Amino acid sequence: MTAFRENPFVYLGVSPSSSRSEILEKAEEKALTEDPDEVAKYRSILTNPGKASGV
């Protein structure tokens, strides 16, 4: 179950078709109740996918 929760889409409650602004909005909301560093990590993965993969 942990691996599923670590999926950035699941963690932030967005989908692959979500806009960048929706991802940022959901991340802001999530940061109020979850670890802000964790939220920032997942937000970054979705909004900057090239950097997240180490390319």
PDB file of N, CA and C in Angstrom:
ATOM      1  N   MET A   1       0.826  -1.205   0.000  1.00  0.00           N
ATOM      2  CA  MET A   1       0.000   0.000   0.000  1.00  0.00           C
ATOM      3  C   MET A   1       0.866   1.263   0.000  1.00  0.00           C
ATOM      4  N   THR A   2       2.034   1.194   0.576  1.00  0.00           N
ATOM      5  CA  THR A   2       2.898   2.365   0.633  1.00  0.00           C
ATOM      6  C   THR A   2       3.290   2.843  -0.756  1.00  0.00           C
ATOM      7  N   ALA A   3       3.639   1.931  -1.652  1.00  0.00           N
ATOM      8  CA  ALA A   3       4.051   2.318  -3.003  1.00  0.00           C
ATOM      9  C   ALA A   3       2.930   3.060  -3.724  1.00  0.00           C
ATOM     10  N   PHE A   4       1.700   2.638  -3.518  1.00  0.00           N
ATOM     11  CA  PHE A   4       0.569   3.297  -4.160  1.00  0.00           C
ATOM     12  C   PHE A   4       0.440   4.732  -3.659  1.00  0.00           C
ATOM     13  N   ARG A   5       0.632   4.934  -2.367  1.00  0.00           N
ATOM     14  CA  ARG A   5       0.529   6.272  -1.781  1.00  0.00           C
ATOM     15  C   ARG A   5       1.663   7.162  -2.268  1.00  0.00           C
ATOM     16  N   GLU A   6       2.789   6.586  -2.647  1.00  0.00           N
ATOM     17  CA  GLU A   6       3.925   7.361  -3.110  1.00  0.00           C
ATOM     18  C   GLU A   6       3.781   7.812  -4.558  1.00  0.00           C
ATOM     19  N   ASN A   7       2.732   7.398  -5.231  1.00  0.00           N
ATOM     20  CA  ASN A   7       2.476   7.857  -6.590  1.00  0.00           C
ATOM     21  C   ASN A   7       2.108   9.340  -6.508  1.00  0.00           C
ATOM     22  N   PRO A   8       2.832  10.213  -7.222  1.00  0.00           N
ATOM     23  CA  PRO A   8       2.555  11.655  -7.126  1.00  0.00           C
ATOM     24  C   PRO A   8       1.116  12.035  -7.474  1.00  0.00           C
ATOM     25  N   PHE A   9       0.532  11.346  -8.450  1.00  0.00           N
ATOM     26  CA  PHE A   9      -0.850  11.655  -8.830  1.00  0.00           C
ATOM     27  C   PHE A   9      -1.807  11.314  -7.697  1.00  0.00           C
ATOM     28  N   VAL A  10      -1.612  10.149  -7.096  1.00  0.00           N
ATOM     29  CA  VAL A  10      -2.473   9.726  -5.987  1.00  0.00           C
ATOM     30  C   VAL A  10      -2.248  10.624  -4.781  1.00  0.00           C
ATOM     31  N   TYR A  11      -0.995  10.877  -4.469  1.00  0.00           N
ATOM     32  CA  TYR A  11      -0.656  11.686  -3.295  1.00  0.00           C
ATOM     33  C   TYR A  11      -1.300  13.069  -3.346  1.00  0.00           C
ATOM     34  N   LEU A  12      -1.242  13.704  -4.524  1.00  0.00           N
ATOM     35  CA  LEU A  12      -1.798  15.051  -4.644  1.00  0.00           C
ATOM     36  C   LEU A  12      -3.272  15.066  -5.046  1.00  0.00           C
ATOM     37  N   GLY A  13      -3.806  13.927  -5.437  1.00  0.00           N
ATOM     38  CA  GLY A  13      -5.213  13.872  -5.817  1.00  0.00           C
ATOM     39  C   GLY A  13      -5.492  14.498  -7.172  1.00  0.00           C
ATOM     40  N   VAL A  14      -4.560  14.320  -8.104  1.00  0.00           N
ATOM     41  CA  VAL A  14      -4.714  14.841  -9.459  1.00  0.00           C
ATOM     42  C   VAL A  14      -4.585  13.693 -10.458  1.00  0.00           C
ATOM     43  N   SER A  15      -4.812  13.989 -11.727  1.00  0.00           N
ATOM     44  CA  SER A  15      -4.703  12.975 -12.770  1.00  0.00           C
ATOM     45  C   SER A  15      -3.702  13.435 -13.827  1.00  0.00           C
ATOM     46  N   PRO A  16      -3.298  12.542 -14.709  1.00  0.00           N
ATOM     47  CA  PRO A  16      -2.379  12.940 -15.779  1.00  0.00           C
ATOM     48  C   PRO A  16      -2.931  14.057 -16.666  1.00  0.00           C
ATOM     49  N   SER A  17      -4.233  14.213 -16.704  1.00  0.00           N
ATOM     50  CA  SER A  17      -4.831  15.266 -17.527  1.00  0.00           C
ATOM     51  C   SER A  17      -5.026  16.578 -16.759  1.00  0.00           C
ATOM     52  N   SER A  18      -4.635  16.615 -15.482  1.00  0.00           N
ATOM     53  CA  SER A  18      -4.768  17.839 -14.687  1.00  0.00           C
ATOM     54  C   SER A  18      -3.842  18.922 -15.219  1.00  0.00           C
ATOM     55  N   SER A  19      -4.312  20.147 -15.183  1.00  0.00           N
ATOM     56  CA  SER A  19      -3.488  21.272 -15.622  1.00  0.00           C
ATOM     57  C   SER A  19      -2.429  21.584 -14.566  1.00  0.00           C
ATOM     58  N   ARG A  20      -1.419  22.304 -14.996  1.00  0.00           N
ATOM     59  CA  ARG A  20      -0.355  22.720 -14.064  1.00  0.00           C
ATOM     60  C   ARG A  20      -0.949  23.520 -12.907  1.00  0.00           C
ATOM     61  N   SER A  21      -1.883  24.413 -13.205  1.00  0.00           N
ATOM     62  CA  SER A  21      -2.479  25.231 -12.146  1.00  0.00           C
ATOM     63  C   SER A  21      -3.271  24.374 -11.155  1.00  0.00           C
ATOM     64  N   GLU A  22      -3.933  23.337 -11.640  1.00  0.00           N
ATOM     65  CA  GLU A  22      -4.663  22.446 -10.741  1.00  0.00           C
ATOM     66  C   GLU A  22      -3.692  21.677  -9.841  1.00  0.00           C
ATOM     67  N   ILE A  23      -2.580  21.225 -10.413  1.00  0.00           N
ATOM     68  CA  ILE A  23      -1.569  20.520  -9.627  1.00  0.00           C
ATOM     69  C   ILE A  23      -1.030  21.437  -8.532  1.00  0.00           C
ATOM     70  N   LEU A  24      -0.717  22.669  -8.887  1.00  0.00           N
ATOM     71  CA  LEU A  24      -0.188  23.623  -7.910  1.00  0.00           C
ATOM     72  C   LEU A  24      -1.208  23.937  -6.817  1.00  0.00           C
ATOM     73  N   GLU A  25      -2.472  24.070  -7.208  1.00  0.00           N
ATOM     74  CA  GLU A  25      -3.538  24.343  -6.232  1.00  0.00           C
ATOM     75  C   GLU A  25      -3.690  23.182  -5.250  1.00  0.00           C
ATOM     76  N   LYS A  26      -3.722  21.963  -5.782  1.00  0.00           N
ATOM     77  CA  LYS A  26      -3.863  20.780  -4.916  1.00  0.00           C
ATOM     78  C   LYS A  26      -2.656  20.640  -3.997  1.00  0.00           C
ATOM     79  N   ALA A  27      -1.468  20.943  -4.510  1.00  0.00           N
ATOM     80  CA  ALA A  27      -0.259  20.863  -3.693  1.00  0.00           C
ATOM     81  C   ALA A  27      -0.316  21.872  -2.548  1.00  0.00           C
ATOM     82  N   GLU A  28      -0.789  23.072  -2.835  1.00  0.00           N
ATOM     83  CA  GLU A  28      -0.933  24.091  -1.793  1.00  0.00           C
ATOM     84  C   GLU A  28      -1.873  23.614  -0.694  1.00  0.00           C
ATOM     85  N   GLU A  29      -3.001  23.052  -1.095  1.00  0.00           N
ATOM     86  CA  GLU A  29      -3.973  22.536  -0.128  1.00  0.00           C
ATOM     87  C   GLU A  29      -3.372  21.410   0.700  1.00  0.00           C
ATOM     88  N   LYS A  30      -2.676  20.502   0.042  1.00  0.00           N
ATOM     89  CA  LYS A  30      -2.098  19.334   0.704  1.00  0.00           C
ATOM     90  C   LYS A  30      -1.018  19.757   1.701  1.00  0.00           C
ATOM     91  N   ALA A  31      -0.271  20.805   1.377  1.00  0.00           N
ATOM     92  CA  ALA A  31       0.808  21.274   2.247  1.00  0.00           C
ATOM     93  C   ALA A  31       0.283  21.798   3.588  1.00  0.00           C
ATOM     94  N   LEU A  32      -0.990  22.111   3.662  1.00  0.00           N
ATOM     95  CA  LEU A  32      -1.576  22.583   4.920  1.00  0.00           C
ATOM     96  C   LEU A  32      -1.738  21.452   5.928  1.00  0.00           C
ATOM     97  N   THR A  33      -1.869  20.216   5.427  1.00  0.00           N
ATOM     98  CA  THR A  33      -2.133  19.085   6.322  1.00  0.00           C
ATOM     99  C   THR A  33      -1.049  18.007   6.292  1.00  0.00           C
ATOM    100  N   GLU A  34      -0.155  18.070   5.316  1.00  0.00           N
ATOM    101  CA  GLU A  34       0.908  17.068   5.184  1.00  0.00           C
ATOM    102  C   GLU A  34       2.269  17.740   5.260  1.00  0.00           C
ATOM    103  N   ASP A  35       3.298  16.953   5.257  1.00  0.00           N
ATOM    104  CA  ASP A  35       4.679  17.459   5.297  1.00  0.00           C
ATOM    105  C   ASP A  35       4.954  18.306   4.051  1.00  0.00           C
ATOM    106  N   PRO A  36       5.206  19.592   4.229  1.00  0.00           N
ATOM    107  CA  PRO A  36       5.429  20.480   3.074  1.00  0.00           C
ATOM    108  C   PRO A  36       6.586  20.046   2.173  1.00  0.00           C
ATOM    109  N   ASP A  37       7.632  19.461   2.746  1.00  0.00           N
ATOM    110  CA  ASP A  37       8.760  18.985   1.929  1.00  0.00           C
ATOM    111  C   ASP A  37       8.341  17.818   1.041  1.00  0.00           C
ATOM    112  N   GLU A  38       7.534  16.939   1.585  1.00  0.00           N
ATOM    113  CA  GLU A  38       7.028  15.796   0.814  1.00  0.00           C
ATOM    114  C   GLU A  38       6.123  16.293  -0.319  1.00  0.00           C
ATOM    115  N   VAL A  39       5.262  17.227   0.003  1.00  0.00           N
ATOM    116  CA  VAL A  39       4.361  17.807  -0.999  1.00  0.00           C
ATOM    117  C   VAL A  39       5.179  18.478  -2.106  1.00  0.00           C
ATOM    118  N   ALA A  40       6.193  19.230  -1.730  1.00  0.00           N
ATOM    119  CA  ALA A  40       7.031  19.921  -2.711  1.00  0.00           C
ATOM    120  C   ALA A  40       7.726  18.914  -3.626  1.00  0.00           C
ATOM    121  N   LYS A  41       8.161  17.803  -3.067  1.00  0.00           N
ATOM    122  CA  LYS A  41       8.822  16.760  -3.866  1.00  0.00           C
ATOM    123  C   LYS A  41       7.871  16.225  -4.937  1.00  0.00           C
ATOM    124  N   TYR A  42       6.664  15.883  -4.545  1.00  0.00           N
ATOM    125  CA  TYR A  42       5.700  15.327  -5.501  1.00  0.00           C
ATOM    126  C   TYR A  42       5.224  16.378  -6.497  1.00  0.00           C
ATOM    127  N   ARG A  43       5.045  17.604  -6.040  1.00  0.00           N
ATOM    128  CA  ARG A  43       4.670  18.696  -6.950  1.00  0.00           C
ATOM    129  C   ARG A  43       5.742  18.880  -8.014  1.00  0.00           C
ATOM    130  N   SER A  44       6.978  18.851  -7.598  1.00  0.00           N
ATOM    131  CA  SER A  44       8.095  19.018  -8.520  1.00  0.00           C
ATOM    132  C   SER A  44       8.162  17.882  -9.543  1.00  0.00           C
ATOM    133  N   ILE A  45       7.911  16.673  -9.092  1.00  0.00           N
ATOM    134  CA  ILE A  45       7.915  15.527 -10.008  1.00  0.00           C
ATOM    135  C   ILE A  45       6.899  15.732 -11.129  1.00  0.00           C
ATOM    136  N   LEU A  46       5.732  16.262 -10.776  1.00  0.00           N
ATOM    137  CA  LEU A  46       4.676  16.422 -11.779  1.00  0.00           C
ATOM    138  C   LEU A  46       4.837  17.677 -12.620  1.00  0.00           C
ATOM    139  N   THR A  47       5.412  18.729 -12.072  1.00  0.00           N
ATOM    140  CA  THR A  47       5.504  19.975 -12.824  1.00  0.00           C
ATOM    141  C   THR A  47       6.847  20.131 -13.541  1.00  0.00           C
ATOM    142  N   ASN A  48       7.852  19.339 -13.160  1.00  0.00           N
ATOM    143  CA  ASN A  48       9.176  19.367 -13.788  1.00  0.00           C
ATOM    144  C   ASN A  48       9.661  17.941 -14.027  1.00  0.00           C
ATOM    145  N   PRO A  49       8.967  17.182 -14.853  1.00  0.00           N
ATOM    146  CA  PRO A  49       9.288  15.752 -14.995  1.00  0.00           C
ATOM    147  C   PRO A  49      10.707  15.468 -15.491  1.00  0.00           C
ATOM    148  N   GLY A  50      11.298  16.318 -16.278  1.00  0.00           N
ATOM    149  CA  GLY A  50      12.664  16.095 -16.758  1.00  0.00           C
ATOM    150  C   GLY A  50      13.673  16.136 -15.636  1.00  0.00           C
ATOM    151  N   LYS A  51      13.507  17.051 -14.717  1.00  0.00           N
ATOM    152  CA  LYS A  51      14.416  17.164 -13.583  1.00  0.00           C
ATOM    153  C   LYS A  51      14.232  16.006 -12.614  1.00  0.00           C
ATOM    154  N   ALA A  52      13.012  15.520 -12.454  1.00  0.00           N
ATOM    155  CA  ALA A  52      12.733  14.440 -11.515  1.00  0.00           C
ATOM    156  C   ALA A  52      13.370  13.130 -11.954  1.00  0.00           C
ATOM    157  N   SER A  53      13.514  12.932 -13.246  1.00  0.00           N
ATOM    158  CA  SER A  53      14.065  11.667 -13.720  1.00  0.00           C
ATOM    159  C   SER A  53      15.589  11.677 -13.750  1.00  0.00           C
ATOM    160  N   GLY A  54      16.183  12.808 -13.373  1.00  0.00           N
ATOM    161  CA  GLY A  54      17.628  12.892 -13.337  1.00  0.00           C
ATOM    162  C   GLY A  54      18.275  13.136 -14.682  1.00  0.00           C
ATOM    163  N   VAL A  55      17.477  13.551 -15.664  1.00  0.00           N
ATOM    164  CA  VAL A  55      17.999  13.812 -17.014  1.00  0.00           C
ATOM    165  C   VAL A  55      18.666  15.162 -17.079  1.00  0.00           C
TER     166      VAL A  55
END
